[in-house]
Amino acid sequence: MAVLKTDVLVLKTIKFGDSSKIVTLYSKDLGKLKAIVKGARNYKSGLSGKFQPLNYLSVILYFKVNRDIQNISKAEFLNSYKNLLKDFNKLQTALKILEIINRSLPDLDPNPPLFDIVSDSFSAIDNSDSEEDLILLNFQIEFLRLSGMLPDLADNPDNLETLKTNSEFNLNENDIEFLLKMSERKTGNSFGINKKESYNVTKISECFTNYIINHNSSRIIFKSDKVFREINKLN
């Protein structure tokens, strides 16, 4: 058994016993893992309120490779993304990213570049001015790229699979031009894109969402989409 300090994003929590939680975490050093947090539901505990989905924490855990559920002893906030939690569109976008990660990744398979993209995406959503659709699309592209599933954006005759040859995407020349601009963008939240141009970002993102669902080893059901649809009906 090793005592490890690692940064984690909270993906999912469920109640356990009278005062504890079983949490699913995404760690830069360890990948996705499950842990028990004793006293997490006791308001007198130093762990109370910290283990909520989308929180970014530094934790101390007792790690054992052959154990399905690890133990956590301490946790400190790194970021709770307060702006994100107050905005309907920001929250919906962040939860979709969270669900993709939670459903797609195997346990204990670290991918530091992907972890950085996830945490950077949450920070960008938290600080953005209505660019959530672009941030989500950027995450989807980078997720597929790091997973080895992204077809070439350009029409590359040396590669058998491009966006033009993959019928699942059903993108037109204008859509592909937009994606090429995104891939050549400079850093920053603006993504180098003029949103007044005639690009249907939502439609393109939905194509990538469907592609991720169709090529995932386990079924992805976006519970957040269902919840937000019901909320919209009430408004």
Protein backbone atom coordinates (compact mmCIF):
# COMPACT_ATOMS: atom_id res chain seq x y z
CA MET A 1 0.00 0.00 0.00
CA ALA A 2 1.23 3.49 -0.86
CA VAL A 3 0.20 6.89 0.48
CA LEU A 4 -0.20 9.18 -2.53
CA LYS A 5 -1.04 12.82 -3.08
CA THR A 6 -2.74 13.51 -6.39
CA ASP A 7 -4.99 16.08 -8.06
CA VAL A 8 -8.43 14.80 -9.02
CA LEU A 9 -11.65 15.86 -10.67
CA VAL A 10 -14.81 14.50 -9.05
CA LEU A 11 -16.90 12.65 -11.65
CA LYS A 12 -19.62 10.95 -9.63
CA THR A 13 -20.70 10.35 -6.03
CA ILE A 14 -23.10 7.95 -4.33
CA LYS A 15 -24.13 7.69 -0.70
CA PHE A 16 -22.61 4.90 1.38
CA GLY A 17 -23.68 4.05 4.90
CA ASP A 18 -24.81 6.77 7.26
CA SER A 19 -22.19 9.42 6.54
CA SER A 20 -19.81 8.27 3.79
CA LYS A 21 -19.62 8.43 0.01
CA ILE A 22 -18.28 6.23 -2.77
CA VAL A 23 -16.76 8.60 -5.31
CA THR A 24 -15.52 8.21 -8.86
CA LEU A 25 -12.48 10.39 -9.46
CA TYR A 26 -10.31 11.28 -12.42
CA SER A 27 -6.65 11.63 -11.47
CA LYS A 28 -3.81 12.95 -13.58
CA ASP A 29 -1.44 10.38 -12.08
CA LEU A 30 -3.72 7.34 -11.77
CA GLY A 31 -6.55 7.79 -14.25
CA LYS A 32 -10.12 7.00 -13.27
CA LEU A 33 -10.62 5.35 -9.89
CA LYS A 34 -13.17 4.76 -7.14
CA ALA A 35 -12.63 5.62 -3.48
CA ILE A 36 -14.52 5.68 -0.22
CA VAL A 37 -14.62 8.96 1.68
CA LYS A 38 -15.61 8.31 5.28
CA GLY A 39 -17.51 11.15 6.92
CA ALA A 40 -18.01 13.02 3.63
CA ARG A 41 -21.70 13.61 4.50
CA ASN A 42 -21.00 14.72 8.07
CA TYR A 43 -21.05 18.53 8.17
CA LYS A 44 -18.56 18.48 11.05
CA SER A 45 -16.04 16.56 8.94
CA GLY A 46 -13.22 18.36 7.15
CA LEU A 47 -14.28 16.45 4.02
CA SER A 48 -17.89 17.68 4.01
CA GLY A 49 -18.97 19.46 0.82
CA LYS A 50 -15.76 18.74 -1.09
CA PHE A 51 -16.76 15.64 -3.00
CA GLN A 52 -19.31 17.02 -5.44
CA PRO A 53 -19.17 16.44 -9.22
CA LEU A 54 -17.00 19.00 -11.06
CA ASN A 55 -14.92 19.89 -8.00
CA TYR A 56 -11.15 19.93 -8.55
CA LEU A 57 -9.30 18.67 -5.46
CA SER A 58 -5.93 17.67 -4.11
CA VAL A 59 -6.36 14.43 -2.15
CA ILE A 60 -4.32 12.08 0.00
CA LEU A 61 -5.27 8.47 -0.62
CA TYR A 62 -4.15 5.07 0.53
CA PHE A 63 -3.62 3.30 -2.78
CA LYS A 64 -3.43 -0.42 -3.38
CA VAL A 65 -3.26 -1.69 -6.97
CA ASN A 66 -5.43 -4.78 -6.52
CA ARG A 67 -8.13 -3.01 -4.52
CA ASP A 68 -11.28 -1.90 -6.35
CA ILE A 69 -12.08 0.95 -3.96
CA GLN A 70 -9.32 3.12 -2.50
CA ASN A 71 -9.40 5.09 0.77
CA ILE A 72 -9.14 8.89 1.02
CA SER A 73 -7.93 10.57 4.19
CA LYS A 74 -7.61 14.26 3.25
CA ALA A 75 -8.79 16.64 0.54
CA GLU A 76 -8.31 20.31 -0.29
CA PHE A 77 -10.07 22.48 -2.87
CA LEU A 78 -8.09 23.51 -5.94
CA ASN A 79 -11.10 24.83 -7.86
CA SER A 80 -14.86 24.57 -7.46
CA TYR A 81 -15.72 26.42 -10.72
CA LYS A 82 -18.26 28.72 -9.06
CA ASN A 83 -19.22 30.60 -12.25
CA LEU A 84 -19.87 27.32 -14.02
CA LEU A 85 -22.31 26.18 -11.34
CA LYS A 86 -24.38 29.38 -11.62
CA ASP A 87 -24.96 29.29 -15.37
CA PHE A 88 -27.35 26.89 -17.08
CA ASN A 89 -25.41 26.57 -20.38
CA LYS A 90 -22.02 26.34 -18.69
CA LEU A 91 -23.22 23.59 -16.36
CA GLN A 92 -24.83 21.59 -19.15
CA THR A 93 -21.62 21.71 -21.22
CA ALA A 94 -19.39 20.73 -18.30
CA LEU A 95 -21.62 17.80 -17.35
CA LYS A 96 -21.47 16.48 -20.90
CA ILE A 97 -17.67 16.48 -20.76
CA LEU A 98 -17.81 14.80 -17.36
CA GLU A 99 -20.12 12.06 -18.67
CA ILE A 100 -17.92 11.38 -21.69
CA ILE A 101 -14.91 10.89 -19.43
CA ASN A 102 -16.76 8.82 -16.85
CA ARG A 103 -18.29 6.47 -19.43
CA SER A 104 -15.36 6.18 -21.83
CA LEU A 105 -12.25 5.64 -19.74
CA PRO A 106 -11.12 2.38 -18.13
CA ASP A 107 -10.03 2.40 -14.50
CA LEU A 108 -6.40 3.10 -13.57
CA ASP A 109 -5.27 4.07 -17.07
CA PRO A 110 -3.62 7.48 -16.66
CA ASN A 111 -3.51 9.91 -19.56
CA PRO A 112 -1.95 13.20 -18.33
CA PRO A 113 -2.51 15.15 -21.59
CA LEU A 114 -6.21 14.25 -21.54
CA PHE A 115 -6.50 15.20 -17.86
CA ASP A 116 -5.02 18.61 -18.69
CA ILE A 117 -7.51 19.08 -21.53
CA VAL A 118 -10.42 18.22 -19.23
CA SER A 119 -9.32 20.59 -16.46
CA ASP A 120 -8.48 23.33 -18.99
CA SER A 121 -11.92 22.88 -20.57
CA PHE A 122 -13.67 23.32 -17.22
CA SER A 123 -11.60 26.44 -16.52
CA ALA A 124 -12.39 27.82 -19.97
CA ILE A 125 -16.13 27.17 -19.50
CA ASP A 126 -16.00 28.79 -16.06
CA ASN A 127 -14.37 31.94 -17.48
CA SER A 128 -15.99 32.06 -20.92
CA ASP A 129 -18.39 34.58 -22.41
CA SER A 130 -20.90 32.33 -24.16
CA GLU A 131 -18.33 30.16 -25.94
CA GLU A 132 -19.41 26.89 -24.34
CA ASP A 133 -20.26 25.30 -27.70
CA LEU A 134 -16.76 25.95 -29.04
CA ILE A 135 -15.12 24.67 -25.86
CA LEU A 136 -17.16 21.46 -25.99
CA LEU A 137 -16.29 20.90 -29.64
CA ASN A 138 -12.61 21.52 -28.94
CA PHE A 139 -12.73 18.97 -26.10
CA GLN A 140 -14.43 16.39 -28.34
CA ILE A 141 -11.78 16.79 -31.03
CA GLU A 142 -8.90 16.51 -28.56
CA PHE A 143 -10.52 13.57 -26.79
CA LEU A 144 -10.82 11.67 -30.08
CA ARG A 145 -7.31 12.67 -31.11
CA LEU A 146 -5.78 11.32 -27.89
CA SER A 147 -7.93 8.19 -28.16
CA GLY A 148 -6.62 7.54 -31.66
CA MET A 149 -10.12 7.74 -33.17
CA LEU A 150 -10.10 11.12 -34.89
CA PRO A 151 -10.23 11.02 -38.71
CA ASP A 152 -8.08 13.57 -40.53
CA LEU A 153 -9.66 17.00 -40.64
CA ALA A 154 -8.17 17.70 -44.07
CA ASP A 155 -8.75 15.70 -47.25
CA ASN A 156 -5.53 13.71 -46.99
CA PRO A 157 -5.14 11.19 -49.85
CA ASP A 158 -2.51 9.27 -47.83
CA ASN A 159 -5.04 8.51 -45.08
CA LEU A 160 -8.00 6.26 -45.82
CA GLU A 161 -10.19 7.90 -43.18
CA THR A 162 -10.90 11.60 -43.30
CA LEU A 163 -13.93 13.63 -42.30
CA LYS A 164 -14.91 13.74 -45.97
CA THR A 165 -14.81 9.96 -46.34
CA ASN A 166 -16.44 9.14 -43.00
CA SER A 167 -20.19 9.15 -43.61
CA GLU A 168 -20.96 9.27 -39.87
CA PHE A 169 -20.04 12.95 -39.76
CA ASN A 170 -22.02 14.10 -42.81
CA LEU A 171 -20.20 17.44 -42.82
CA ASN A 172 -20.18 19.85 -45.73
CA GLU A 173 -17.25 21.87 -47.07
CA ASN A 174 -18.18 24.84 -44.88
CA ASP A 175 -18.18 22.69 -41.73
CA ILE A 176 -14.78 21.21 -42.54
CA GLU A 177 -13.38 24.68 -43.30
CA PHE A 178 -14.53 25.71 -39.82
CA LEU A 179 -12.82 22.69 -38.20
CA LEU A 180 -9.60 23.45 -40.03
CA LYS A 181 -9.72 27.02 -38.70
CA MET A 182 -10.17 25.64 -35.20
CA SER A 183 -7.18 23.35 -35.59
CA GLU A 184 -5.01 26.30 -36.66
CA ARG A 185 -6.25 28.67 -33.95
CA LYS A 186 -4.06 30.50 -31.48
CA THR A 187 -4.33 29.74 -27.78
CA GLY A 188 -6.95 31.48 -25.69
CA ASN A 189 -10.66 31.29 -25.16
CA SER A 190 -11.54 33.03 -28.44
CA PHE A 191 -10.43 29.97 -30.48
CA GLY A 192 -9.64 32.34 -33.37
CA ILE A 193 -13.21 32.02 -34.65
CA ASN A 194 -15.60 34.79 -35.63
CA LYS A 195 -18.94 33.51 -34.37
CA LYS A 196 -20.77 35.81 -36.78
CA GLU A 197 -19.62 33.59 -39.61
CA SER A 198 -22.12 31.01 -40.87
CA TYR A 199 -20.92 27.99 -38.90
CA ASN A 200 -23.38 25.69 -37.18
CA VAL A 201 -21.25 24.77 -34.18
CA THR A 202 -24.09 22.91 -32.44
CA LYS A 203 -24.68 20.67 -35.47
CA ILE A 204 -20.96 19.89 -35.84
CA SER A 205 -20.64 19.14 -32.12
CA GLU A 206 -23.63 16.78 -32.28
CA CYS A 207 -21.88 14.88 -35.09
CA PHE A 208 -18.84 14.43 -32.86
CA THR A 209 -21.05 13.45 -29.90
CA ASN A 210 -22.72 10.72 -31.95
CA TYR A 211 -19.36 9.51 -33.22
CA ILE A 212 -18.07 9.20 -29.63
CA ILE A 213 -21.22 7.31 -28.60
CA ASN A 214 -21.02 4.93 -31.57
CA HIS A 215 -17.35 4.15 -31.02
CA ASN A 216 -17.41 3.82 -27.24
CA SER A 217 -16.85 0.43 -25.61
CA SER A 218 -19.70 1.05 -23.13
CA ARG A 219 -23.02 2.74 -23.69
CA ILE A 220 -23.09 6.50 -23.08
CA ILE A 221 -26.40 7.96 -21.96
CA PHE A 222 -26.25 11.70 -21.39
CA LYS A 223 -28.41 12.01 -18.30
CA SER A 224 -27.63 15.73 -18.14
CA ASP A 225 -29.28 16.28 -21.55
CA LYS A 226 -32.46 14.59 -20.33
CA VAL A 227 -32.51 16.64 -17.12
CA PHE A 228 -31.97 19.94 -18.93
CA ARG A 229 -34.65 19.10 -21.51
CA GLU A 230 -37.14 18.61 -18.69
CA ILE A 231 -36.06 21.90 -17.08
CA ASN A 232 -36.57 23.72 -20.40
CA LYS A 233 -40.10 22.32 -20.66
CA LEU A 234 -40.94 23.83 -17.28
CA ASN A 235 -39.67 27.30 -18.22
